[in-house]
Amino acid sequence: MTNILLVCSAGMSTSALVKKMQEAAEEKGIEANIWAVGDAESENHIGKADVICLGPQVRYLESKMKERVNNEKPVMVIDMASYGTMNGAKVLEEALSLIA
């Protein structure tokens, strides 16, 4: 099972995207645990994640997050267009490509 963590400012705005990503994973037969948290909570969750996806509004956290995981896990900023259109399939595909 692949564990995908989404991080945004409060964990609320990414919840809809999480749902879309879960739907896309189910359609493709991919076993994935996908969840979202705010930056303040992320420290407690990064250890469980295989890949960390940052919402565009917290892109400034990218280098900080890479330091937190000692560059041992992929960290990506979710594309603004994919985020804005809630394209869960695209974000899922991008996240999975980082750990393939």
N, C-alpha and C. Protein backbone atom coordinates (compact mmCIF):
# COMPACT_ATOMS: atom_id res chain seq x y z
N MET A 1 0.85 -1.18 0.00
CA MET A 1 0.00 0.00 0.00
C MET A 1 0.89 1.24 0.00
N THR A 2 0.50 2.19 -0.81
CA THR A 2 1.22 3.45 -0.92
C THR A 2 0.56 4.48 -0.01
N ASN A 3 1.38 5.21 0.73
CA ASN A 3 0.89 6.23 1.65
C ASN A 3 1.24 7.61 1.11
N ILE A 4 0.20 8.39 0.81
CA ILE A 4 0.38 9.72 0.22
C ILE A 4 -0.18 10.76 1.17
N LEU A 5 0.69 11.66 1.61
CA LEU A 5 0.30 12.72 2.53
C LEU A 5 0.19 14.04 1.78
N LEU A 6 -0.93 14.72 1.93
CA LEU A 6 -1.11 16.06 1.38
C LEU A 6 -1.03 17.05 2.53
N VAL A 7 -0.28 18.12 2.31
CA VAL A 7 -0.12 19.14 3.34
C VAL A 7 -0.57 20.48 2.78
N CYS A 8 -1.41 21.16 3.52
CA CYS A 8 -1.80 22.53 3.15
C CYS A 8 -1.75 23.39 4.41
N SER A 9 -2.26 24.58 4.33
CA SER A 9 -2.14 25.47 5.48
C SER A 9 -2.91 24.96 6.69
N ALA A 10 -4.11 24.42 6.48
CA ALA A 10 -4.89 23.93 7.62
C ALA A 10 -5.41 22.51 7.43
N GLY A 11 -5.16 21.90 6.28
CA GLY A 11 -5.63 20.55 6.02
C GLY A 11 -7.05 20.48 5.51
N MET A 12 -7.70 21.62 5.37
CA MET A 12 -9.10 21.65 4.96
C MET A 12 -9.24 21.69 3.44
N SER A 13 -8.48 22.56 2.80
CA SER A 13 -8.67 22.75 1.36
C SER A 13 -8.27 21.53 0.55
N THR A 14 -7.42 20.70 1.09
CA THR A 14 -6.99 19.51 0.35
C THR A 14 -7.92 18.32 0.56
N SER A 15 -8.87 18.43 1.48
CA SER A 15 -9.73 17.27 1.76
C SER A 15 -10.55 16.85 0.54
N ALA A 16 -11.01 17.80 -0.25
CA ALA A 16 -11.75 17.47 -1.47
C ALA A 16 -10.84 16.78 -2.47
N LEU A 17 -9.60 17.23 -2.56
CA LEU A 17 -8.64 16.62 -3.47
C LEU A 17 -8.31 15.19 -3.02
N VAL A 18 -8.21 14.98 -1.73
CA VAL A 18 -7.97 13.63 -1.20
C VAL A 18 -9.07 12.69 -1.69
N LYS A 19 -10.31 13.14 -1.59
CA LYS A 19 -11.44 12.31 -2.03
C LYS A 19 -11.32 11.96 -3.51
N LYS A 20 -10.97 12.95 -4.33
CA LYS A 20 -10.82 12.72 -5.78
C LYS A 20 -9.66 11.76 -6.05
N MET A 21 -8.58 11.90 -5.30
CA MET A 21 -7.43 11.00 -5.48
C MET A 21 -7.80 9.58 -5.08
N GLN A 22 -8.56 9.43 -4.00
CA GLN A 22 -8.98 8.10 -3.56
C GLN A 22 -9.88 7.45 -4.61
N GLU A 23 -10.77 8.23 -5.20
CA GLU A 23 -11.65 7.72 -6.26
C GLU A 23 -10.82 7.25 -7.45
N ALA A 24 -9.82 8.06 -7.83
CA ALA A 24 -8.96 7.70 -8.96
C ALA A 24 -8.17 6.44 -8.67
N ALA A 25 -7.67 6.30 -7.45
CA ALA A 25 -6.91 5.11 -7.07
C ALA A 25 -7.80 3.87 -7.14
N GLU A 26 -9.02 3.98 -6.65
CA GLU A 26 -9.96 2.85 -6.69
C GLU A 26 -10.25 2.43 -8.13
N GLU A 27 -10.47 3.43 -9.00
CA GLU A 27 -10.75 3.15 -10.41
C GLU A 27 -9.60 2.41 -11.08
N LYS A 28 -8.36 2.72 -10.66
CA LYS A 28 -7.18 2.11 -11.27
C LYS A 28 -6.73 0.86 -10.53
N GLY A 29 -7.44 0.50 -9.47
CA GLY A 29 -7.06 -0.68 -8.71
C GLY A 29 -5.79 -0.50 -7.91
N ILE A 30 -5.50 0.72 -7.51
CA ILE A 30 -4.29 1.03 -6.75
C ILE A 30 -4.65 1.11 -5.27
N GLU A 31 -3.91 0.37 -4.46
CA GLU A 31 -4.12 0.45 -3.02
C GLU A 31 -3.32 1.63 -2.48
N ALA A 32 -4.02 2.63 -2.00
CA ALA A 32 -3.35 3.83 -1.51
C ALA A 32 -4.08 4.38 -0.29
N ASN A 33 -3.30 4.81 0.66
CA ASN A 33 -3.81 5.50 1.83
C ASN A 33 -3.46 6.97 1.62
N ILE A 34 -4.47 7.80 1.44
CA ILE A 34 -4.26 9.21 1.10
C ILE A 34 -4.96 10.05 2.16
N TRP A 35 -4.22 10.97 2.75
CA TRP A 35 -4.82 11.84 3.77
C TRP A 35 -4.18 13.22 3.74
N ALA A 36 -4.87 14.17 4.37
CA ALA A 36 -4.42 15.56 4.38
C ALA A 36 -4.34 16.09 5.80
N VAL A 37 -3.33 16.90 6.03
CA VAL A 37 -3.17 17.58 7.32
C VAL A 37 -2.66 19.00 7.06
N GLY A 38 -2.79 19.83 8.07
CA GLY A 38 -2.21 21.16 8.01
C GLY A 38 -0.73 21.09 8.32
N ASP A 39 -0.01 22.13 7.97
CA ASP A 39 1.43 22.15 8.21
C ASP A 39 1.77 21.92 9.67
N ALA A 40 0.99 22.51 10.56
CA ALA A 40 1.27 22.39 11.99
C ALA A 40 1.24 20.93 12.46
N GLU A 41 0.45 20.10 11.82
CA GLU A 41 0.34 18.69 12.19
C GLU A 41 1.26 17.78 11.38
N SER A 42 1.86 18.30 10.34
CA SER A 42 2.59 17.45 9.39
C SER A 42 3.74 16.69 10.02
N GLU A 43 4.39 17.27 11.00
CA GLU A 43 5.53 16.61 11.65
C GLU A 43 5.13 15.24 12.20
N ASN A 44 3.90 15.11 12.66
CA ASN A 44 3.42 13.85 13.23
C ASN A 44 3.02 12.83 12.17
N HIS A 45 3.00 13.23 10.91
CA HIS A 45 2.50 12.35 9.85
C HIS A 45 3.55 11.98 8.80
N ILE A 46 4.60 12.77 8.67
CA ILE A 46 5.54 12.53 7.57
C ILE A 46 6.24 11.18 7.65
N GLY A 47 6.38 10.65 8.85
CA GLY A 47 7.03 9.35 9.00
C GLY A 47 6.23 8.22 8.38
N LYS A 48 4.93 8.39 8.27
CA LYS A 48 4.05 7.35 7.72
C LYS A 48 3.90 7.45 6.21
N ALA A 49 4.35 8.55 5.63
CA ALA A 49 4.12 8.80 4.20
C ALA A 49 5.25 8.27 3.33
N ASP A 50 4.87 7.81 2.13
CA ASP A 50 5.85 7.42 1.12
C ASP A 50 6.20 8.62 0.24
N VAL A 51 5.23 9.50 0.08
CA VAL A 51 5.42 10.72 -0.71
C VAL A 51 4.60 11.83 -0.06
N ILE A 52 5.14 13.04 -0.11
CA ILE A 52 4.48 14.19 0.50
C ILE A 52 4.16 15.21 -0.59
N CYS A 53 2.90 15.59 -0.67
CA CYS A 53 2.42 16.54 -1.67
C CYS A 53 1.99 17.82 -0.97
N LEU A 54 2.57 18.92 -1.39
CA LEU A 54 2.25 20.21 -0.79
C LEU A 54 1.23 20.95 -1.64
N GLY A 55 0.24 21.52 -1.00
CA GLY A 55 -0.71 22.37 -1.72
C GLY A 55 0.01 23.60 -2.24
N PRO A 56 -0.44 24.15 -3.36
CA PRO A 56 0.23 25.31 -3.95
C PRO A 56 0.36 26.49 -2.99
N GLN A 57 -0.60 26.62 -2.07
CA GLN A 57 -0.57 27.75 -1.15
C GLN A 57 0.54 27.62 -0.10
N VAL A 58 1.13 26.43 0.03
CA VAL A 58 2.24 26.25 0.98
C VAL A 58 3.51 25.80 0.25
N ARG A 59 3.63 26.17 -1.00
CA ARG A 59 4.82 25.79 -1.77
C ARG A 59 6.11 26.27 -1.11
N TYR A 60 6.01 27.35 -0.34
CA TYR A 60 7.19 27.89 0.36
C TYR A 60 7.75 26.89 1.38
N LEU A 61 7.00 25.86 1.72
CA LEU A 61 7.45 24.85 2.69
C LEU A 61 8.29 23.74 2.05
N GLU A 62 8.44 23.77 0.74
CA GLU A 62 9.09 22.65 0.06
C GLU A 62 10.48 22.34 0.61
N SER A 63 11.35 23.33 0.71
CA SER A 63 12.70 23.06 1.20
C SER A 63 12.69 22.64 2.67
N LYS A 64 11.83 23.25 3.46
CA LYS A 64 11.70 22.89 4.88
C LYS A 64 11.24 21.44 5.02
N MET A 65 10.28 21.04 4.19
CA MET A 65 9.77 19.67 4.26
C MET A 65 10.84 18.68 3.83
N LYS A 66 11.60 19.01 2.80
CA LYS A 66 12.68 18.13 2.35
C LYS A 66 13.71 17.94 3.46
N GLU A 67 13.99 19.01 4.21
CA GLU A 67 14.90 18.91 5.35
C GLU A 67 14.31 18.00 6.42
N ARG A 68 13.02 18.14 6.68
CA ARG A 68 12.36 17.32 7.71
C ARG A 68 12.48 15.82 7.42
N VAL A 69 12.46 15.47 6.15
CA VAL A 69 12.55 14.04 5.78
C VAL A 69 13.97 13.67 5.33
N ASN A 70 14.92 14.57 5.58
CA ASN A 70 16.32 14.34 5.22
C ASN A 70 16.49 13.94 3.75
N ASN A 71 15.65 14.48 2.89
CA ASN A 71 15.66 14.16 1.46
C ASN A 71 15.54 12.66 1.19
N GLU A 72 14.96 11.93 2.14
CA GLU A 72 14.80 10.48 1.98
C GLU A 72 13.45 10.10 1.40
N LYS A 73 12.53 11.05 1.33
CA LYS A 73 11.21 10.82 0.75
C LYS A 73 10.94 11.92 -0.25
N PRO A 74 10.24 11.59 -1.33
CA PRO A 74 9.93 12.64 -2.31
C PRO A 74 8.91 13.64 -1.76
N VAL A 75 9.18 14.90 -2.08
CA VAL A 75 8.29 16.00 -1.71
C VAL A 75 7.97 16.74 -3.00
N MET A 76 6.70 16.95 -3.27
CA MET A 76 6.32 17.67 -4.49
C MET A 76 5.30 18.75 -4.16
N VAL A 77 5.31 19.78 -4.99
CA VAL A 77 4.28 20.82 -4.90
C VAL A 77 3.22 20.46 -5.94
N ILE A 78 1.99 20.40 -5.52
CA ILE A 78 0.89 20.07 -6.42
C ILE A 78 0.72 21.19 -7.44
N ASP A 79 0.64 20.81 -8.69
CA ASP A 79 0.44 21.76 -9.78
C ASP A 79 -0.82 22.59 -9.53
N MET A 80 -0.69 23.90 -9.72
CA MET A 80 -1.79 24.83 -9.45
C MET A 80 -3.04 24.49 -10.27
N ALA A 81 -2.86 24.14 -11.54
CA ALA A 81 -4.01 23.82 -12.39
C ALA A 81 -4.70 22.54 -11.90
N SER A 82 -3.91 21.53 -11.57
CA SER A 82 -4.49 20.27 -11.08
C SER A 82 -5.20 20.49 -9.75
N TYR A 83 -4.62 21.32 -8.92
CA TYR A 83 -5.23 21.62 -7.61
C TYR A 83 -6.52 22.40 -7.79
N GLY A 84 -6.47 23.42 -8.63
CA GLY A 84 -7.63 24.27 -8.85
C GLY A 84 -8.81 23.54 -9.45
N THR A 85 -8.53 22.56 -10.30
CA THR A 85 -9.61 21.79 -10.94
C THR A 85 -9.92 20.50 -10.18
N MET A 86 -9.22 20.30 -9.06
CA MET A 86 -9.40 19.09 -8.24
C MET A 86 -9.22 17.82 -9.08
N ASN A 87 -8.16 17.83 -9.90
CA ASN A 87 -7.87 16.70 -10.77
C ASN A 87 -7.10 15.64 -9.98
N GLY A 88 -7.85 14.86 -9.22
CA GLY A 88 -7.24 13.85 -8.35
C GLY A 88 -6.44 12.82 -9.11
N ALA A 89 -6.90 12.43 -10.29
CA ALA A 89 -6.19 11.43 -11.09
C ALA A 89 -4.80 11.94 -11.47
N LYS A 90 -4.70 13.18 -11.86
CA LYS A 90 -3.42 13.76 -12.27
C LYS A 90 -2.46 13.86 -11.08
N VAL A 91 -2.96 14.35 -9.95
CA VAL A 91 -2.11 14.48 -8.76
C VAL A 91 -1.66 13.10 -8.29
N LEU A 92 -2.55 12.13 -8.32
CA LEU A 92 -2.19 10.76 -7.94
C LEU A 92 -1.09 10.23 -8.85
N GLU A 93 -1.26 10.42 -10.14
CA GLU A 93 -0.27 9.96 -11.12
C GLU A 93 1.10 10.59 -10.85
N GLU A 94 1.12 11.89 -10.60
CA GLU A 94 2.38 12.59 -10.33
C GLU A 94 3.03 12.07 -9.05
N ALA A 95 2.23 11.88 -8.01
CA ALA A 95 2.76 11.40 -6.74
C ALA A 95 3.34 9.99 -6.90
N LEU A 96 2.61 9.12 -7.57
CA LEU A 96 3.07 7.74 -7.76
C LEU A 96 4.33 7.68 -8.62
N SER A 97 4.47 8.61 -9.57
CA SER A 97 5.65 8.61 -10.43
C SER A 97 6.93 8.89 -9.64
N LEU A 98 6.80 9.55 -8.51
CA LEU A 98 7.97 9.88 -7.69
C LEU A 98 8.48 8.70 -6.88
N ILE A 99 7.65 7.68 -6.72
CA ILE A 99 8.07 6.53 -5.92
C ILE A 99 8.10 5.24 -6.73
N ALA A 100 7.93 5.36 -8.03
CA ALA A 100 7.91 4.17 -8.90
C ALA A 100 9.31 3.59 -9.06
